[in-house]
Amino acid sequence: SIAIITPTRVYHWGIEGQAQPTLKFERSSEKPESHWSGPVQIINYHQSVDKQWLILGGLAKGKQGGIAGVLQVHSCKMNASQPTMPSHAACFARITLDGRSAPSNLICFTTNGPVLQILELDPPSKDVAFKKKVPLQFKQAGDFPVSIHCDNTNGTLF
C-alpha cells in the first residue's frame, strides 16, 4: 500500500483492485503547549511489522528557536495517538528479546540530550517491559540524527 500524508490526515491506499484510501489517523496540530510552531515538514513514516503501530516524524521551527523534531506515534489497535514527542528520528524493530519465546515490537527514537530510547510496545506485562536509554555523542554541538533504520535479522540499529 501507499501512504498519503496530508497537512491534517494520514491515509493508506491499497494498490490492488478498486481500493480507496482509508484514513489511518488525524495528524496532531500545534497547541499552546507544543514544543514547535508552524508547519511540520515530514521526513519519515513507518509502520510496525504487525501493522498495529504507526510513526510520523518531521521537523519544525522550535518555540525556543532552532529546529524541533515532531514525532507522532499512533496505535491502530486503540485508534489513538500519543501526544507528540520532541524527536527527530524513529523506527520500529521486531526482535525476540532474551528470555522470550516470541518476537517483540520495539519503538526506537531519539530525544534531546541526545539520547536513543528503545521501548517495548505491548509487552506481556509492565514488569518485564523492555526499556533502554543510551546517550549519543556527535562531533558538532547541535547535531541530531534525522533517521534510524533497523536490521531485524541482526538486531542492529543504524
C-alpha atoms as a PDB file:
ATOM      1  CA  SER A   1       0.000   0.000   0.000  1.00  0.00           C
ATOM      2  CA  ILE A   2       0.927   3.644  -0.378  1.00  0.00           C
ATOM      3  CA  ALA A   3       0.896   6.127   2.499  1.00  0.00           C
ATOM      4  CA  ILE A   4      -0.629   9.515   1.735  1.00  0.00           C
ATOM      5  CA  ILE A   5       0.182  12.255   4.219  1.00  0.00           C
ATOM      6  CA  THR A   6      -1.793  15.478   4.019  1.00  0.00           C
ATOM      7  CA  PRO A   7      -1.453  18.516   6.282  1.00  0.00           C
ATOM      8  CA  THR A   8      -4.204  17.102   8.552  1.00  0.00           C
ATOM      9  CA  ARG A   9      -4.510  13.328   7.945  1.00  0.00           C
ATOM     10  CA  VAL A  10      -2.644  10.118   7.140  1.00  0.00           C
ATOM     11  CA  TYR A  11      -4.146   7.574   4.720  1.00  0.00           C
ATOM     12  CA  HIS A  12      -3.136   4.148   3.414  1.00  0.00           C
ATOM     13  CA  TRP A  13      -4.144   3.226  -0.113  1.00  0.00           C
ATOM     14  CA  GLY A  14      -4.019  -0.400  -1.229  1.00  0.00           C
ATOM     15  CA  ILE A  15      -2.784  -0.677  -4.804  1.00  0.00           C
ATOM     16  CA  GLU A  16      -4.740  -3.787  -5.760  1.00  0.00           C
ATOM     17  CA  GLY A  17      -8.196  -3.804  -7.279  1.00  0.00           C
ATOM     18  CA  GLN A  18     -10.503  -0.851  -6.771  1.00  0.00           C
ATOM     19  CA  ALA A  19      -9.301   0.009  -3.261  1.00  0.00           C
ATOM     20  CA  GLN A  20      -9.830   3.517  -1.977  1.00  0.00           C
ATOM     21  CA  PRO A  21      -7.610   5.381   0.500  1.00  0.00           C
ATOM     22  CA  THR A  22      -8.506   4.631   4.133  1.00  0.00           C
ATOM     23  CA  LEU A  23      -7.957   7.085   6.961  1.00  0.00           C
ATOM     24  CA  LYS A  24      -5.384   5.816   9.471  1.00  0.00           C
ATOM     25  CA  PHE A  25      -5.248   8.828  11.797  1.00  0.00           C
ATOM     26  CA  GLU A  26      -5.550  12.577  12.174  1.00  0.00           C
ATOM     27  CA  ARG A  27      -2.277  14.461  12.391  1.00  0.00           C
ATOM     28  CA  SER A  28      -1.552  16.317  15.612  1.00  0.00           C
ATOM     29  CA  SER A  29      -1.954  20.040  15.356  1.00  0.00           C
ATOM     30  CA  GLU A  30       0.032  22.739  17.099  1.00  0.00           C
ATOM     31  CA  LYS A  31      -1.231  23.547  20.592  1.00  0.00           C
ATOM     32  CA  PRO A  32      -0.171  26.204  23.116  1.00  0.00           C
ATOM     33  CA  GLU A  33       1.882  23.551  24.975  1.00  0.00           C
ATOM     34  CA  SER A  34       3.536  22.237  21.790  1.00  0.00           C
ATOM     35  CA  HIS A  35       7.325  22.373  21.586  1.00  0.00           C
ATOM     36  CA  TRP A  36       7.205  23.569  17.959  1.00  0.00           C
ATOM     37  CA  SER A  37       5.499  26.276  15.943  1.00  0.00           C
ATOM     38  CA  GLY A  38       4.334  26.473  12.362  1.00  0.00           C
ATOM     39  CA  PRO A  39       4.127  23.743   9.730  1.00  0.00           C
ATOM     40  CA  VAL A  40       5.860  20.370  10.167  1.00  0.00           C
ATOM     41  CA  GLN A  41       7.999  19.119   7.278  1.00  0.00           C
ATOM     42  CA  ILE A  42       7.544  15.321   7.179  1.00  0.00           C
ATOM     43  CA  ILE A  43      10.828  13.403   6.878  1.00  0.00           C
ATOM     44  CA  ASN A  44       9.806   9.836   7.758  1.00  0.00           C
ATOM     45  CA  TYR A  45       6.874   7.482   8.208  1.00  0.00           C
ATOM     46  CA  HIS A  46       6.958   3.884   9.413  1.00  0.00           C
ATOM     47  CA  GLN A  47       4.547   1.055  10.120  1.00  0.00           C
ATOM     48  CA  SER A  48       5.352  -1.782  12.527  1.00  0.00           C
ATOM     49  CA  VAL A  49       5.674  -5.287  11.052  1.00  0.00           C
ATOM     50  CA  ASP A  50       2.377  -6.341  12.656  1.00  0.00           C
ATOM     51  CA  LYS A  51       0.710  -3.162  11.290  1.00  0.00           C
ATOM     52  CA  GLN A  52      -0.520  -2.178  14.765  1.00  0.00           C
ATOM     53  CA  TRP A  53       1.698   0.917  15.204  1.00  0.00           C
ATOM     54  CA  LEU A  54       2.499   3.919  13.005  1.00  0.00           C
ATOM     55  CA  ILE A  55       5.016   6.714  13.453  1.00  0.00           C
ATOM     56  CA  LEU A  56       5.121  10.011  11.595  1.00  0.00           C
ATOM     57  CA  GLY A  57       8.226  12.143  12.013  1.00  0.00           C
ATOM     58  CA  GLY A  58       9.042  15.647  10.937  1.00  0.00           C
ATOM     59  CA  LEU A  59      10.905  18.870  11.572  1.00  0.00           C
ATOM     60  CA  ALA A  60       9.531  22.276  12.502  1.00  0.00           C
ATOM     61  CA  LYS A  61      10.637  25.559  13.976  1.00  0.00           C
ATOM     62  CA  GLY A  62      11.259  25.174  17.697  1.00  0.00           C
ATOM     63  CA  LYS A  63       9.410  27.541  20.023  1.00  0.00           C
ATOM     64  CA  GLN A  64      12.745  28.320  21.689  1.00  0.00           C
ATOM     65  CA  GLY A  65      14.439  28.747  18.279  1.00  0.00           C
ATOM     66  CA  GLY A  66      16.335  26.226  16.211  1.00  0.00           C
ATOM     67  CA  ILE A  67      14.840  23.067  14.754  1.00  0.00           C
ATOM     68  CA  ALA A  68      12.431  20.842  16.665  1.00  0.00           C
ATOM     69  CA  GLY A  69      11.698  17.207  15.937  1.00  0.00           C
ATOM     70  CA  VAL A  70       7.996  16.325  15.917  1.00  0.00           C
ATOM     71  CA  LEU A  71       7.106  12.637  16.316  1.00  0.00           C
ATOM     72  CA  GLN A  72       3.555  11.303  16.387  1.00  0.00           C
ATOM     73  CA  VAL A  73       3.034   7.678  17.495  1.00  0.00           C
ATOM     74  CA  HIS A  74      -0.322   6.075  16.649  1.00  0.00           C
ATOM     75  CA  SER A  75      -1.801   2.779  17.894  1.00  0.00           C
ATOM     76  CA  CYS A  76      -4.066   1.207  15.269  1.00  0.00           C
ATOM     77  CA  LYS A  77      -5.470  -1.231  17.847  1.00  0.00           C
ATOM     78  CA  MET A  78      -6.565   1.597  20.167  1.00  0.00           C
ATOM     79  CA  ASN A  79      -7.177   4.045  17.292  1.00  0.00           C
ATOM     80  CA  ALA A  80      -5.361   6.716  19.295  1.00  0.00           C
ATOM     81  CA  SER A  81      -2.222   8.810  19.026  1.00  0.00           C
ATOM     82  CA  GLN A  82       0.055   9.763  21.877  1.00  0.00           C
ATOM     83  CA  PRO A  83       0.903  13.447  22.370  1.00  0.00           C
ATOM     84  CA  THR A  84       3.690  14.463  20.003  1.00  0.00           C
ATOM     85  CA  MET A  85       7.248  13.958  21.212  1.00  0.00           C
ATOM     86  CA  PRO A  86      10.324  16.115  20.505  1.00  0.00           C
ATOM     87  CA  SER A  87      12.126  13.548  18.369  1.00  0.00           C
ATOM     88  CA  HIS A  88      13.925  13.839  15.036  1.00  0.00           C
ATOM     89  CA  ALA A  89      14.299  10.138  14.211  1.00  0.00           C
ATOM     90  CA  ALA A  90      12.388   6.915  14.894  1.00  0.00           C
ATOM     91  CA  CYS A  91      11.779   3.406  13.617  1.00  0.00           C
ATOM     92  CA  PHE A  92      10.259   0.099  14.663  1.00  0.00           C
ATOM     93  CA  ALA A  93      12.191  -3.080  15.365  1.00  0.00           C
ATOM     94  CA  ARG A  94      10.856  -6.619  15.741  1.00  0.00           C
ATOM     95  CA  ILE A  95      13.199  -8.956  17.542  1.00  0.00           C
ATOM     96  CA  THR A  96      12.990 -11.782  20.064  1.00  0.00           C
ATOM     97  CA  LEU A  97      14.283 -10.437  23.370  1.00  0.00           C
ATOM     98  CA  ASP A  98      16.364 -12.598  25.720  1.00  0.00           C
ATOM     99  CA  GLY A  99      14.125 -14.911  27.737  1.00  0.00           C
ATOM    100  CA  ARG A 100      11.155 -14.534  25.365  1.00  0.00           C
ATOM    101  CA  SER A 101       9.700 -17.112  23.004  1.00  0.00           C
ATOM    102  CA  ALA A 102       8.013 -14.670  20.600  1.00  0.00           C
ATOM    103  CA  PRO A 103       9.250 -11.537  18.845  1.00  0.00           C
ATOM    104  CA  SER A 104       8.518  -8.154  20.418  1.00  0.00           C
ATOM    105  CA  ASN A 105       7.727  -4.843  18.750  1.00  0.00           C
ATOM    106  CA  LEU A 106      10.103  -2.089  19.811  1.00  0.00           C
ATOM    107  CA  ILE A 107       9.988   1.600  19.056  1.00  0.00           C
ATOM    108  CA  CYS A 108      13.412   3.220  18.756  1.00  0.00           C
ATOM    109  CA  PHE A 109      13.664   7.007  18.803  1.00  0.00           C
ATOM    110  CA  THR A 110      15.956   9.861  19.707  1.00  0.00           C
ATOM    111  CA  THR A 111      15.224  12.682  22.107  1.00  0.00           C
ATOM    112  CA  ASN A 112      17.034  15.840  23.099  1.00  0.00           C
ATOM    113  CA  GLY A 113      20.170  15.187  25.041  1.00  0.00           C
ATOM    114  CA  PRO A 114      20.754  13.490  22.593  1.00  0.00           C
ATOM    115  CA  VAL A 115      19.501  10.108  23.804  1.00  0.00           C
ATOM    116  CA  LEU A 116      18.468   6.950  21.937  1.00  0.00           C
ATOM    117  CA  GLN A 117      15.460   5.349  23.610  1.00  0.00           C
ATOM    118  CA  ILE A 118      14.149   1.854  22.917  1.00  0.00           C
ATOM    119  CA  LEU A 119      10.775   0.845  24.354  1.00  0.00           C
ATOM    120  CA  GLU A 120       8.786  -2.349  24.004  1.00  0.00           C
ATOM    121  CA  LEU A 121       5.273  -1.891  22.634  1.00  0.00           C
ATOM    122  CA  ASP A 122       2.539  -4.149  24.049  1.00  0.00           C
ATOM    123  CA  PRO A 123       4.798  -6.053  26.495  1.00  0.00           C
ATOM    124  CA  PRO A 124       3.479  -9.228  28.164  1.00  0.00           C
ATOM    125  CA  SER A 125       3.333  -7.202  31.414  1.00  0.00           C
ATOM    126  CA  LYS A 126       4.622  -3.823  32.574  1.00  0.00           C
ATOM    127  CA  ASP A 127       7.014  -5.627  34.970  1.00  0.00           C
ATOM    128  CA  VAL A 128       9.017  -7.122  32.089  1.00  0.00           C
ATOM    129  CA  ALA A 129       8.692  -4.319  29.512  1.00  0.00           C
ATOM    130  CA  PHE A 130      11.989  -3.701  27.734  1.00  0.00           C
ATOM    131  CA  LYS A 131      13.287  -0.123  28.158  1.00  0.00           C
ATOM    132  CA  LYS A 132      16.718   1.205  27.256  1.00  0.00           C
ATOM    133  CA  LYS A 133      18.235   4.709  27.150  1.00  0.00           C
ATOM    134  CA  VAL A 134      21.624   5.285  25.556  1.00  0.00           C
ATOM    135  CA  PRO A 135      23.333   8.694  25.378  1.00  0.00           C
ATOM    136  CA  LEU A 136      24.523   9.641  21.880  1.00  0.00           C
ATOM    137  CA  GLN A 137      27.564  11.726  21.040  1.00  0.00           C
ATOM    138  CA  PHE A 138      28.139  13.885  17.972  1.00  0.00           C
ATOM    139  CA  LYS A 139      31.227  15.745  16.812  1.00  0.00           C
ATOM    140  CA  GLN A 140      29.375  19.039  16.398  1.00  0.00           C
ATOM    141  CA  ALA A 141      27.208  20.618  19.084  1.00  0.00           C
ATOM    142  CA  GLY A 142      23.623  20.899  17.913  1.00  0.00           C
ATOM    143  CA  ASP A 143      23.830  17.941  15.505  1.00  0.00           C
ATOM    144  CA  PHE A 144      20.972  15.446  15.587  1.00  0.00           C
ATOM    145  CA  PRO A 145      20.002  12.261  13.739  1.00  0.00           C
ATOM    146  CA  VAL A 146      17.283  12.523  11.111  1.00  0.00           C
ATOM    147  CA  SER A 147      16.736   8.790  10.633  1.00  0.00           C
ATOM    148  CA  ILE A 148      17.181   5.431  12.319  1.00  0.00           C
ATOM    149  CA  HIS A 149      16.956   2.122  10.494  1.00  0.00           C
ATOM    150  CA  CYS A 150      16.628  -1.351  11.943  1.00  0.00           C
ATOM    151  CA  ASP A 151      18.082  -4.612  10.669  1.00  0.00           C
ATOM    152  CA  ASN A 152      15.680  -7.069  12.335  1.00  0.00           C
ATOM    153  CA  THR A 153      17.686 -10.084  11.185  1.00  0.00           C
ATOM    154  CA  ASN A 154      20.783  -8.990  13.088  1.00  0.00           C
ATOM    155  CA  GLY A 155      19.083  -6.875  15.770  1.00  0.00           C
ATOM    156  CA  THR A 156      21.035  -3.787  14.746  1.00  0.00           C
ATOM    157  CA  LEU A 157      20.096  -0.111  14.604  1.00  0.00           C
ATOM    158  CA  PHE A 158      21.967   2.262  12.341  1.00  0.00           C
END
